[in-house]
mmCIF file of all heavy atoms, coordinates in Angstrom:
data_MODEL
# 
_entry.id   MODEL 
# 
loop_
_atom_site.group_PDB 
_atom_site.id 
_atom_site.type_symbol 
_atom_site.label_atom_id 
_atom_site.label_alt_id 
_atom_site.label_comp_id 
_atom_site.label_asym_id 
_atom_site.label_entity_id 
_atom_site.label_seq_id 
_atom_site.pdbx_PDB_ins_code 
_atom_site.Cartn_x 
_atom_site.Cartn_y 
_atom_site.Cartn_z 
_atom_site.occupancy 
_atom_site.B_iso_or_equiv 
_atom_site.pdbx_formal_charge 
_atom_site.auth_seq_id 
_atom_site.auth_comp_id 
_atom_site.auth_asym_id 
_atom_site.auth_atom_id 
_atom_site.pdbx_PDB_model_num 
ATOM 1   N N   . GLU A 1 1  ? 81.930  -112.461 111.912 1.00 0.00 ? 1  GLU A N   1 
ATOM 2   C CA  . GLU A 1 1  ? 81.686  -111.058 112.255 1.00 0.00 ? 1  GLU A CA  1 
ATOM 3   C C   . GLU A 1 1  ? 82.990  -110.292 112.509 1.00 0.00 ? 1  GLU A C   1 
ATOM 4   O O   . GLU A 1 1  ? 82.967  -109.101 112.750 1.00 0.00 ? 1  GLU A O   1 
ATOM 5   C CB  . GLU A 1 1  ? 80.787  -110.944 113.475 1.00 0.00 ? 1  GLU A CB  1 
ATOM 6   C CG  . GLU A 1 1  ? 79.410  -111.598 113.295 1.00 0.00 ? 1  GLU A CG  1 
ATOM 7   C CD  . GLU A 1 1  ? 78.634  -111.055 112.113 1.00 0.00 ? 1  GLU A CD  1 
ATOM 8   O OE1 . GLU A 1 1  ? 78.632  -109.807 111.899 1.00 0.00 ? 1  GLU A OE1 1 
ATOM 9   O OE2 . GLU A 1 1  ? 78.057  -111.863 111.347 1.00 0.00 ? 1  GLU A OE2 1 
ATOM 10  N N   . GLU A 1 2  ? 84.117  -110.960 112.467 1.00 0.00 ? 2  GLU A N   1 
ATOM 11  C CA  . GLU A 1 2  ? 85.379  -110.343 112.734 1.00 0.00 ? 2  GLU A CA  1 
ATOM 12  C C   . GLU A 1 2  ? 86.192  -110.105 111.475 1.00 0.00 ? 2  GLU A C   1 
ATOM 13  O O   . GLU A 1 2  ? 85.996  -110.773 110.467 1.00 0.00 ? 2  GLU A O   1 
ATOM 14  C CB  . GLU A 1 2  ? 86.210  -111.193 113.714 1.00 0.00 ? 2  GLU A CB  1 
ATOM 15  C CG  . GLU A 1 2  ? 85.593  -111.390 115.073 1.00 0.00 ? 2  GLU A CG  1 
ATOM 16  C CD  . GLU A 1 2  ? 86.514  -112.185 115.962 1.00 0.00 ? 2  GLU A CD  1 
ATOM 17  O OE1 . GLU A 1 2  ? 87.630  -111.720 116.247 1.00 0.00 ? 2  GLU A OE1 1 
ATOM 18  O OE2 . GLU A 1 2  ? 86.134  -113.303 116.359 1.00 0.00 ? 2  GLU A OE2 1 
ATOM 19  N N   . ASP A 1 3  ? 87.187  -109.180 111.578 1.00 0.00 ? 3  ASP A N   1 
ATOM 20  C CA  . ASP A 1 3  ? 88.141  -109.005 110.510 1.00 0.00 ? 3  ASP A CA  1 
ATOM 21  C C   . ASP A 1 3  ? 89.266  -110.007 110.689 1.00 0.00 ? 3  ASP A C   1 
ATOM 22  O O   . ASP A 1 3  ? 89.731  -110.268 111.791 1.00 0.00 ? 3  ASP A O   1 
ATOM 23  C CB  . ASP A 1 3  ? 88.730  -107.595 110.545 1.00 0.00 ? 3  ASP A CB  1 
ATOM 24  C CG  . ASP A 1 3  ? 87.670  -106.549 110.137 1.00 0.00 ? 3  ASP A CG  1 
ATOM 25  O OD1 . ASP A 1 3  ? 86.813  -106.877 109.320 1.00 0.00 ? 3  ASP A OD1 1 
ATOM 26  O OD2 . ASP A 1 3  ? 87.778  -105.445 110.663 1.00 0.00 ? 3  ASP A OD2 1 
ATOM 27  N N   . ALA A 1 4  ? 89.727  -110.598 109.591 1.00 0.00 ? 4  ALA A N   1 
ATOM 28  C CA  . ALA A 1 4  ? 90.865  -111.526 109.632 1.00 0.00 ? 4  ALA A CA  1 
ATOM 29  C C   . ALA A 1 4  ? 91.756  -111.250 108.461 1.00 0.00 ? 4  ALA A C   1 
ATOM 30  O O   . ALA A 1 4  ? 91.416  -110.512 107.530 1.00 0.00 ? 4  ALA A O   1 
ATOM 31  C CB  . ALA A 1 4  ? 90.334  -112.971 109.634 1.00 0.00 ? 4  ALA A CB  1 
ATOM 32  N N   . TYR A 1 5  ? 92.950  -111.854 108.484 1.00 0.00 ? 5  TYR A N   1 
ATOM 33  C CA  . TYR A 1 5  ? 93.939  -111.660 107.463 1.00 0.00 ? 5  TYR A CA  1 
ATOM 34  C C   . TYR A 1 5  ? 94.572  -112.994 107.112 1.00 0.00 ? 5  TYR A C   1 
ATOM 35  O O   . TYR A 1 5  ? 94.698  -113.879 107.961 1.00 0.00 ? 5  TYR A O   1 
ATOM 36  C CB  . TYR A 1 5  ? 95.027  -110.698 107.922 1.00 0.00 ? 5  TYR A CB  1 
ATOM 37  C CG  . TYR A 1 5  ? 94.489  -109.404 108.435 1.00 0.00 ? 5  TYR A CG  1 
ATOM 38  C CD1 . TYR A 1 5  ? 94.285  -109.200 109.819 1.00 0.00 ? 5  TYR A CD1 1 
ATOM 39  C CD2 . TYR A 1 5  ? 94.218  -108.354 107.568 1.00 0.00 ? 5  TYR A CD2 1 
ATOM 40  C CE1 . TYR A 1 5  ? 93.760  -108.017 110.301 1.00 0.00 ? 5  TYR A CE1 1 
ATOM 41  C CE2 . TYR A 1 5  ? 93.696  -107.135 108.048 1.00 0.00 ? 5  TYR A CE2 1 
ATOM 42  C CZ  . TYR A 1 5  ? 93.483  -106.995 109.417 1.00 0.00 ? 5  TYR A CZ  1 
ATOM 43  O OH  . TYR A 1 5  ? 92.970  -105.805 109.889 1.00 0.00 ? 5  TYR A OH  1 
ATOM 44  N N   . LEU A 1 6  ? 95.010  -113.128 105.831 1.00 0.00 ? 6  LEU A N   1 
ATOM 45  C CA  . LEU A 1 6  ? 95.835  -114.272 105.454 1.00 0.00 ? 6  LEU A CA  1 
ATOM 46  C C   . LEU A 1 6  ? 97.229  -114.038 106.044 1.00 0.00 ? 6  LEU A C   1 
ATOM 47  O O   . LEU A 1 6  ? 97.778  -112.948 105.952 1.00 0.00 ? 6  LEU A O   1 
ATOM 48  C CB  . LEU A 1 6  ? 95.908  -114.417 103.952 1.00 0.00 ? 6  LEU A CB  1 
ATOM 49  C CG  . LEU A 1 6  ? 94.598  -114.719 103.215 1.00 0.00 ? 6  LEU A CG  1 
ATOM 50  C CD1 . LEU A 1 6  ? 94.873  -114.890 101.720 1.00 0.00 ? 6  LEU A CD1 1 
ATOM 51  C CD2 . LEU A 1 6  ? 94.005  -116.032 103.760 1.00 0.00 ? 6  LEU A CD2 1 
ATOM 52  N N   . SER A 1 7  ? 97.798  -115.103 106.615 1.00 0.00 ? 7  SER A N   1 
ATOM 53  C CA  . SER A 1 7  ? 99.030  -114.976 107.334 1.00 0.00 ? 7  SER A CA  1 
ATOM 54  C C   . SER A 1 7  ? 100.171 -114.504 106.464 1.00 0.00 ? 7  SER A C   1 
ATOM 55  O O   . SER A 1 7  ? 100.362 -115.017 105.318 1.00 0.00 ? 7  SER A O   1 
ATOM 56  C CB  . SER A 1 7  ? 99.410  -116.318 107.973 1.00 0.00 ? 7  SER A CB  1 
ATOM 57  O OG  . SER A 1 7  ? 100.664 -116.250 108.580 1.00 0.00 ? 7  SER A OG  1 
ATOM 58  N N   . GLN A 1 8  ? 100.965 -113.540 106.955 1.00 0.00 ? 8  GLN A N   1 
ATOM 59  C CA  . GLN A 1 8  ? 102.188 -113.148 106.268 1.00 0.00 ? 8  GLN A CA  1 
ATOM 60  C C   . GLN A 1 8  ? 103.402 -113.819 106.907 1.00 0.00 ? 8  GLN A C   1 
ATOM 61  O O   . GLN A 1 8  ? 104.490 -113.704 106.401 1.00 0.00 ? 8  GLN A O   1 
ATOM 62  C CB  . GLN A 1 8  ? 102.311 -111.605 106.311 1.00 0.00 ? 8  GLN A CB  1 
ATOM 63  C CG  . GLN A 1 8  ? 102.420 -111.072 107.706 1.00 0.00 ? 8  GLN A CG  1 
ATOM 64  C CD  . GLN A 1 8  ? 102.489 -109.565 107.791 1.00 0.00 ? 8  GLN A CD  1 
ATOM 65  O OE1 . GLN A 1 8  ? 102.604 -109.023 108.877 1.00 0.00 ? 8  GLN A OE1 1 
ATOM 66  N NE2 . GLN A 1 8  ? 102.449 -108.858 106.697 1.00 0.00 ? 8  GLN A NE2 1 
ATOM 67  N N   . SER A 1 9  ? 103.173 -114.434 108.073 1.00 0.00 ? 9  SER A N   1 
ATOM 68  C CA  . SER A 1 9  ? 104.240 -115.146 108.769 1.00 0.00 ? 9  SER A CA  1 
ATOM 69  C C   . SER A 1 9  ? 103.624 -115.914 109.929 1.00 0.00 ? 9  SER A C   1 
ATOM 70  O O   . SER A 1 9  ? 102.686 -115.426 110.553 1.00 0.00 ? 9  SER A O   1 
ATOM 71  C CB  . SER A 1 9  ? 105.311 -114.182 109.288 1.00 0.00 ? 9  SER A CB  1 
ATOM 72  O OG  . SER A 1 9  ? 106.171 -114.855 110.184 1.00 0.00 ? 9  SER A OG  1 
ATOM 73  N N   . GLY A 1 10 ? 104.161 -117.084 110.214 1.00 0.00 ? 10 GLY A N   1 
ATOM 74  C CA  . GLY A 1 10 ? 103.718 -117.830 111.388 1.00 0.00 ? 10 GLY A CA  1 
ATOM 75  C C   . GLY A 1 10 ? 104.526 -117.550 112.612 1.00 0.00 ? 10 GLY A C   1 
ATOM 76  O O   . GLY A 1 10 ? 104.348 -118.166 113.647 1.00 0.00 ? 10 GLY A O   1 
ATOM 77  N N   . GLN A 1 11 ? 105.414 -116.570 112.552 1.00 0.00 ? 11 GLN A N   1 
ATOM 78  C CA  . GLN A 1 11 ? 106.431 -116.364 113.579 1.00 0.00 ? 11 GLN A CA  1 
ATOM 79  C C   . GLN A 1 11 ? 105.868 -116.209 114.992 1.00 0.00 ? 11 GLN A C   1 
ATOM 80  O O   . GLN A 1 11 ? 106.341 -116.828 115.940 1.00 0.00 ? 11 GLN A O   1 
ATOM 81  C CB  . GLN A 1 11 ? 107.305 -115.156 113.249 1.00 0.00 ? 11 GLN A CB  1 
ATOM 82  C CG  . GLN A 1 11 ? 108.378 -114.951 114.315 1.00 0.00 ? 11 GLN A CG  1 
ATOM 83  C CD  . GLN A 1 11 ? 108.844 -113.519 114.393 1.00 0.00 ? 11 GLN A CD  1 
ATOM 84  O OE1 . GLN A 1 11 ? 109.146 -112.919 113.369 1.00 0.00 ? 11 GLN A OE1 1 
ATOM 85  N NE2 . GLN A 1 11 ? 108.905 -112.962 115.577 1.00 0.00 ? 11 GLN A NE2 1 
ATOM 86  N N   . LEU A 1 12 ? 104.885 -115.330 115.187 1.00 0.00 ? 12 LEU A N   1 
ATOM 87  C CA  . LEU A 1 12 ? 104.389 -115.044 116.515 1.00 0.00 ? 12 LEU A CA  1 
ATOM 88  C C   . LEU A 1 12 ? 103.845 -116.325 117.165 1.00 0.00 ? 12 LEU A C   1 
ATOM 89  O O   . LEU A 1 12 ? 104.096 -116.569 118.367 1.00 0.00 ? 12 LEU A O   1 
ATOM 90  C CB  . LEU A 1 12 ? 103.309 -113.982 116.492 1.00 0.00 ? 12 LEU A CB  1 
ATOM 91  C CG  . LEU A 1 12 ? 103.673 -112.634 115.855 1.00 0.00 ? 12 LEU A CG  1 
ATOM 92  C CD1 . LEU A 1 12 ? 102.626 -111.593 116.183 1.00 0.00 ? 12 LEU A CD1 1 
ATOM 93  C CD2 . LEU A 1 12 ? 105.053 -112.121 116.315 1.00 0.00 ? 12 LEU A CD2 1 
ATOM 94  N N   . TYR A 1 13 ? 103.167 -117.144 116.379 1.00 0.00 ? 13 TYR A N   1 
ATOM 95  C CA  . TYR A 1 13 ? 102.638 -118.392 116.889 1.00 0.00 ? 13 TYR A CA  1 
ATOM 96  C C   . TYR A 1 13 ? 103.754 -119.380 117.149 1.00 0.00 ? 13 TYR A C   1 
ATOM 97  O O   . TYR A 1 13 ? 103.684 -120.201 118.101 1.00 0.00 ? 13 TYR A O   1 
ATOM 98  C CB  . TYR A 1 13 ? 101.646 -118.979 115.873 1.00 0.00 ? 13 TYR A CB  1 
ATOM 99  C CG  . TYR A 1 13 ? 100.433 -118.103 115.702 1.00 0.00 ? 13 TYR A CG  1 
ATOM 100 C CD1 . TYR A 1 13 ? 100.358 -117.188 114.652 1.00 0.00 ? 13 TYR A CD1 1 
ATOM 101 C CD2 . TYR A 1 13 ? 99.380  -118.144 116.628 1.00 0.00 ? 13 TYR A CD2 1 
ATOM 102 C CE1 . TYR A 1 13 ? 99.244  -116.383 114.505 1.00 0.00 ? 13 TYR A CE1 1 
ATOM 103 C CE2 . TYR A 1 13 ? 98.263  -117.308 116.476 1.00 0.00 ? 13 TYR A CE2 1 
ATOM 104 C CZ  . TYR A 1 13 ? 98.205  -116.439 115.406 1.00 0.00 ? 13 TYR A CZ  1 
ATOM 105 O OH  . TYR A 1 13 ? 97.096  -115.600 115.264 1.00 0.00 ? 13 TYR A OH  1 
ATOM 106 N N   . MET A 1 14 ? 104.824 -119.345 116.368 1.00 0.00 ? 14 MET A N   1 
ATOM 107 C CA  . MET A 1 14 ? 105.946 -120.218 116.560 1.00 0.00 ? 14 MET A CA  1 
ATOM 108 C C   . MET A 1 14 ? 106.681 -119.855 117.860 1.00 0.00 ? 14 MET A C   1 
ATOM 109 O O   . MET A 1 14 ? 107.252 -120.744 118.541 1.00 0.00 ? 14 MET A O   1 
ATOM 110 C CB  . MET A 1 14 ? 106.895 -120.203 115.395 1.00 0.00 ? 14 MET A CB  1 
ATOM 111 C CG  . MET A 1 14 ? 106.274 -120.673 114.079 1.00 0.00 ? 14 MET A CG  1 
ATOM 112 S SD  . MET A 1 14 ? 105.410 -122.246 114.228 1.00 0.00 ? 14 MET A SD  1 
ATOM 113 C CE  . MET A 1 14 ? 106.816 -123.335 114.541 1.00 0.00 ? 14 MET A CE  1 
ATOM 114 N N   . GLU A 1 15 ? 106.672 -118.579 118.246 1.00 0.00 ? 15 GLU A N   1 
ATOM 115 C CA  . GLU A 1 15 ? 107.272 -118.178 119.513 1.00 0.00 ? 15 GLU A CA  1 
ATOM 116 C C   . GLU A 1 15 ? 106.485 -118.831 120.651 1.00 0.00 ? 15 GLU A C   1 
ATOM 117 O O   . GLU A 1 15 ? 107.100 -119.320 121.613 1.00 0.00 ? 15 GLU A O   1 
ATOM 118 C CB  . GLU A 1 15 ? 107.262 -116.669 119.634 1.00 0.00 ? 15 GLU A CB  1 
ATOM 119 C CG  . GLU A 1 15 ? 108.267 -115.963 118.743 1.00 0.00 ? 15 GLU A CG  1 
ATOM 120 C CD  . GLU A 1 15 ? 108.377 -114.469 119.018 1.00 0.00 ? 15 GLU A CD  1 
ATOM 121 O OE1 . GLU A 1 15 ? 108.594 -114.146 120.216 1.00 0.00 ? 15 GLU A OE1 1 
ATOM 122 O OE2 . GLU A 1 15 ? 108.232 -113.669 118.097 1.00 0.00 ? 15 GLU A OE2 1 
ATOM 123 N N   . ALA A 1 16 ? 105.163 -118.837 120.551 1.00 0.00 ? 16 ALA A N   1 
ATOM 124 C CA  . ALA A 1 16 ? 104.337 -119.498 121.582 1.00 0.00 ? 16 ALA A CA  1 
ATOM 125 C C   . ALA A 1 16 ? 104.660 -120.999 121.624 1.00 0.00 ? 16 ALA A C   1 
ATOM 126 O O   . ALA A 1 16 ? 104.798 -121.580 122.698 1.00 0.00 ? 16 ALA A O   1 
ATOM 127 C CB  . ALA A 1 16 ? 102.875 -119.293 121.283 1.00 0.00 ? 16 ALA A CB  1 
ATOM 128 N N   . ALA A 1 17 ? 104.836 -121.611 120.476 1.00 0.00 ? 17 ALA A N   1 
ATOM 129 C CA  . ALA A 1 17 ? 105.147 -123.019 120.384 1.00 0.00 ? 17 ALA A CA  1 
ATOM 130 C C   . ALA A 1 17 ? 106.522 -123.310 121.001 1.00 0.00 ? 17 ALA A C   1 
ATOM 131 O O   . ALA A 1 17 ? 106.713 -124.359 121.656 1.00 0.00 ? 17 ALA A O   1 
ATOM 132 C CB  . ALA A 1 17 ? 105.071 -123.513 118.949 1.00 0.00 ? 17 ALA A CB  1 
ATOM 133 N N   . ALA A 1 18 ? 107.457 -122.425 120.748 1.00 0.00 ? 18 ALA A N   1 
ATOM 134 C CA  . ALA A 1 18 ? 108.816 -122.630 121.315 1.00 0.00 ? 18 ALA A CA  1 
ATOM 135 C C   . ALA A 1 18 ? 108.839 -122.591 122.837 1.00 0.00 ? 18 ALA A C   1 
ATOM 136 O O   . ALA A 1 18 ? 109.614 -123.286 123.477 1.00 0.00 ? 18 ALA A O   1 
ATOM 137 C CB  . ALA A 1 18 ? 109.760 -121.577 120.733 1.00 0.00 ? 18 ALA A CB  1 
ATOM 138 N N   . MET A 1 19 ? 107.932 -121.761 123.412 1.00 0.00 ? 19 MET A N   1 
ATOM 139 C CA  . MET A 1 19 ? 107.848 -121.717 124.868 1.00 0.00 ? 19 MET A CA  1 
ATOM 140 C C   . MET A 1 19 ? 107.235 -122.996 125.433 1.00 0.00 ? 19 MET A C   1 
ATOM 141 O O   . MET A 1 19 ? 107.373 -123.291 126.645 1.00 0.00 ? 19 MET A O   1 
ATOM 142 C CB  . MET A 1 19 ? 106.983 -120.509 125.304 1.00 0.00 ? 19 MET A CB  1 
ATOM 143 C CG  . MET A 1 19 ? 107.534 -119.135 124.925 1.00 0.00 ? 19 MET A CG  1 
ATOM 144 S SD  . MET A 1 19 ? 109.239 -118.837 125.458 1.00 0.00 ? 19 MET A SD  1 
ATOM 145 C CE  . MET A 1 19 ? 110.093 -118.873 123.893 1.00 0.00 ? 19 MET A CE  1 
ATOM 146 N N   . ALA A 1 20 ? 106.635 -123.807 124.591 1.00 0.00 ? 20 ALA A N   1 
ATOM 147 C CA  . ALA A 1 20 ? 106.045 -125.101 125.014 1.00 0.00 ? 20 ALA A CA  1 
ATOM 148 C C   . ALA A 1 20 ? 106.924 -126.260 124.663 1.00 0.00 ? 20 ALA A C   1 
ATOM 149 O O   . ALA A 1 20 ? 107.040 -127.239 125.397 1.00 0.00 ? 20 ALA A O   1 
ATOM 150 C CB  . ALA A 1 20 ? 104.681 -125.267 124.398 1.00 0.00 ? 20 ALA A CB  1 
ATOM 151 N N   . LEU A 1 21 ? 107.602 -126.175 123.511 1.00 0.00 ? 21 LEU A N   1 
ATOM 152 C CA  . LEU A 1 21 ? 108.322 -127.359 122.979 1.00 0.00 ? 21 LEU A CA  1 
ATOM 153 C C   . LEU A 1 21 ? 109.819 -127.113 122.759 1.00 0.00 ? 21 LEU A C   1 
ATOM 154 O O   . LEU A 1 21 ? 110.516 -128.014 122.300 1.00 0.00 ? 21 LEU A O   1 
ATOM 155 C CB  . LEU A 1 21 ? 107.663 -127.745 121.614 1.00 0.00 ? 21 LEU A CB  1 
ATOM 156 C CG  . LEU A 1 21 ? 106.213 -128.229 121.751 1.00 0.00 ? 21 LEU A CG  1 
ATOM 157 C CD1 . LEU A 1 21 ? 105.507 -128.180 120.412 1.00 0.00 ? 21 LEU A CD1 1 
ATOM 158 C CD2 . LEU A 1 21 ? 106.169 -129.627 122.312 1.00 0.00 ? 21 LEU A CD2 1 
ATOM 159 N N   . GLY A 1 22 ? 110.313 -125.962 123.079 1.00 0.00 ? 22 GLY A N   1 
ATOM 160 C CA  . GLY A 1 22 ? 111.756 -125.678 123.020 1.00 0.00 ? 22 GLY A CA  1 
ATOM 161 C C   . GLY A 1 22 ? 112.250 -125.248 121.651 1.00 0.00 ? 22 GLY A C   1 
ATOM 162 O O   . GLY A 1 22 ? 112.556 -124.093 121.410 1.00 0.00 ? 22 GLY A O   1 
ATOM 163 N N   . LYS A 1 23 ? 112.339 -126.222 120.720 1.00 0.00 ? 23 LYS A N   1 
ATOM 164 C CA  . LYS A 1 23 ? 112.796 -125.927 119.372 1.00 0.00 ? 23 LYS A CA  1 
ATOM 165 C C   . LYS A 1 23 ? 111.730 -126.422 118.397 1.00 0.00 ? 23 LYS A C   1 
ATOM 166 O O   . LYS A 1 23 ? 111.389 -127.612 118.360 1.00 0.00 ? 23 LYS A O   1 
ATOM 167 C CB  . LYS A 1 23 ? 114.132 -126.603 119.059 1.00 0.00 ? 23 LYS A CB  1 
ATOM 168 C CG  . LYS A 1 23 ? 115.297 -126.056 119.881 1.00 0.00 ? 23 LYS A CG  1 
ATOM 169 C CD  . LYS A 1 23 ? 116.673 -126.482 119.331 1.00 0.00 ? 23 LYS A CD  1 
ATOM 170 C CE  . LYS A 1 23 ? 116.873 -127.978 119.371 1.00 0.00 ? 23 LYS A CE  1 
ATOM 171 N NZ  . LYS A 1 23 ? 118.266 -128.331 118.943 1.00 0.00 ? 23 LYS A NZ  1 
ATOM 172 N N   . VAL A 1 24 ? 111.204 -125.504 117.576 1.00 0.00 ? 24 VAL A N   1 
ATOM 173 C CA  . VAL A 1 24 ? 110.107 -125.835 116.689 1.00 0.00 ? 24 VAL A CA  1 
ATOM 174 C C   . VAL A 1 24 ? 110.395 -125.266 115.316 1.00 0.00 ? 24 VAL A C   1 
ATOM 175 O O   . VAL A 1 24 ? 111.225 -124.389 115.136 1.00 0.00 ? 24 VAL A O   1 
ATOM 176 C CB  . VAL A 1 24 ? 108.768 -125.277 117.237 1.00 0.00 ? 24 VAL A CB  1 
ATOM 177 C CG1 . VAL A 1 24 ? 108.405 -125.917 118.551 1.00 0.00 ? 24 VAL A CG1 1 
ATOM 178 C CG2 . VAL A 1 24 ? 108.848 -123.749 117.362 1.00 0.00 ? 24 VAL A CG2 1 
ATOM 179 N N   . PHE A 1 25 ? 109.687 -125.793 114.302 1.00 0.00 ? 25 PHE A N   1 
ATOM 180 C CA  . PHE A 1 25 ? 109.738 -125.195 112.977 1.00 0.00 ? 25 PHE A CA  1 
ATOM 181 C C   . PHE A 1 25 ? 108.374 -125.388 112.294 1.00 0.00 ? 25 PHE A C   1 
ATOM 182 O O   . PHE A 1 25 ? 107.650 -126.337 112.603 1.00 0.00 ? 25 PHE A O   1 
ATOM 183 C CB  . PHE A 1 25 ? 110.856 -125.784 112.119 1.00 0.00 ? 25 PHE A CB  1 
ATOM 184 C CG  . PHE A 1 25 ? 110.580 -127.171 111.565 1.00 0.00 ? 25 PHE A CG  1 
ATOM 185 C CD1 . PHE A 1 25 ? 110.218 -127.320 110.219 1.00 0.00 ? 25 PHE A CD1 1 
ATOM 186 C CD2 . PHE A 1 25 ? 110.670 -128.293 112.347 1.00 0.00 ? 25 PHE A CD2 1 
ATOM 187 C CE1 . PHE A 1 25 ? 109.979 -128.587 109.694 1.00 0.00 ? 25 PHE A CE1 1 
ATOM 188 C CE2 . PHE A 1 25 ? 110.439 -129.564 111.828 1.00 0.00 ? 25 PHE A CE2 1 
ATOM 189 C CZ  . PHE A 1 25 ? 110.094 -129.708 110.478 1.00 0.00 ? 25 PHE A CZ  1 
ATOM 190 N N   . SER A 1 26 ? 108.040 -124.479 111.397 1.00 0.00 ? 26 SER A N   1 
ATOM 191 C CA  . SER A 1 26 ? 106.854 -124.595 110.602 1.00 0.00 ? 26 SER A CA  1 
ATOM 192 C C   . SER A 1 26 ? 107.233 -124.560 109.143 1.00 0.00 ? 26 SER A C   1 
ATOM 193 O O   . SER A 1 26 ? 108.322 -124.097 108.771 1.00 0.00 ? 26 SER A O   1 
ATOM 194 C CB  . SER A 1 26 ? 105.852 -123.445 110.925 1.00 0.00 ? 26 SER A CB  1 
ATOM 195 O OG  . SER A 1 26 ? 106.405 -122.207 110.510 1.00 0.00 ? 26 SER A OG  1 
ATOM 196 N N   . PHE A 1 27 ? 106.318 -125.053 108.311 1.00 0.00 ? 27 PHE A N   1 
ATOM 197 C CA  . PHE A 1 27 ? 106.511 -124.995 106.868 1.00 0.00 ? 27 PHE A CA  1 
ATOM 198 C C   . PHE A 1 27 ? 105.128 -124.856 106.266 1.00 0.00 ? 27 PHE A C   1 
ATOM 199 O O   . PHE A 1 27 ? 104.295 -125.772 106.337 1.00 0.00 ? 27 PHE A O   1 
ATOM 200 C CB  . PHE A 1 27 ? 107.207 -126.270 106.374 1.00 0.00 ? 27 PHE A CB  1 
ATOM 201 C CG  . PHE A 1 27 ? 107.260 -126.349 104.847 1.00 0.00 ? 27 PHE A CG  1 
ATOM 202 C CD1 . PHE A 1 27 ? 107.904 -125.342 104.130 1.00 0.00 ? 27 PHE A CD1 1 
ATOM 203 C CD2 . PHE A 1 27 ? 106.652 -127.347 104.161 1.00 0.00 ? 27 PHE A CD2 1 
ATOM 204 C CE1 . PHE A 1 27 ? 107.955 -125.402 102.746 1.00 0.00 ? 27 PHE A CE1 1 
ATOM 205 C CE2 . PHE A 1 27 ? 106.696 -127.435 102.780 1.00 0.00 ? 27 PHE A CE2 1 
ATOM 206 C CZ  . PHE A 1 27 ? 107.352 -126.453 102.046 1.00 0.00 ? 27 PHE A CZ  1 
ATOM 207 N N   . GLY A 1 28 ? 104.891 -123.690 105.672 1.00 0.00 ? 28 GLY A N   1 
ATOM 208 C CA  . GLY A 1 28 ? 103.574 -123.464 105.132 1.00 0.00 ? 28 GLY A CA  1 
ATOM 209 C C   . GLY A 1 28 ? 103.484 -122.246 104.263 1.00 0.00 ? 28 GLY A C   1 
ATOM 210 O O   . GLY A 1 28 ? 104.433 -121.469 104.128 1.00 0.00 ? 28 GLY A O   1 
# 
């Protein structure tokens, strides 16, 4: 029932991950 979008970048989520794990990277 919601609007969604195909990701144009994982950056915002990677910022959250960096606050948990320090140094992170994604590939997708």
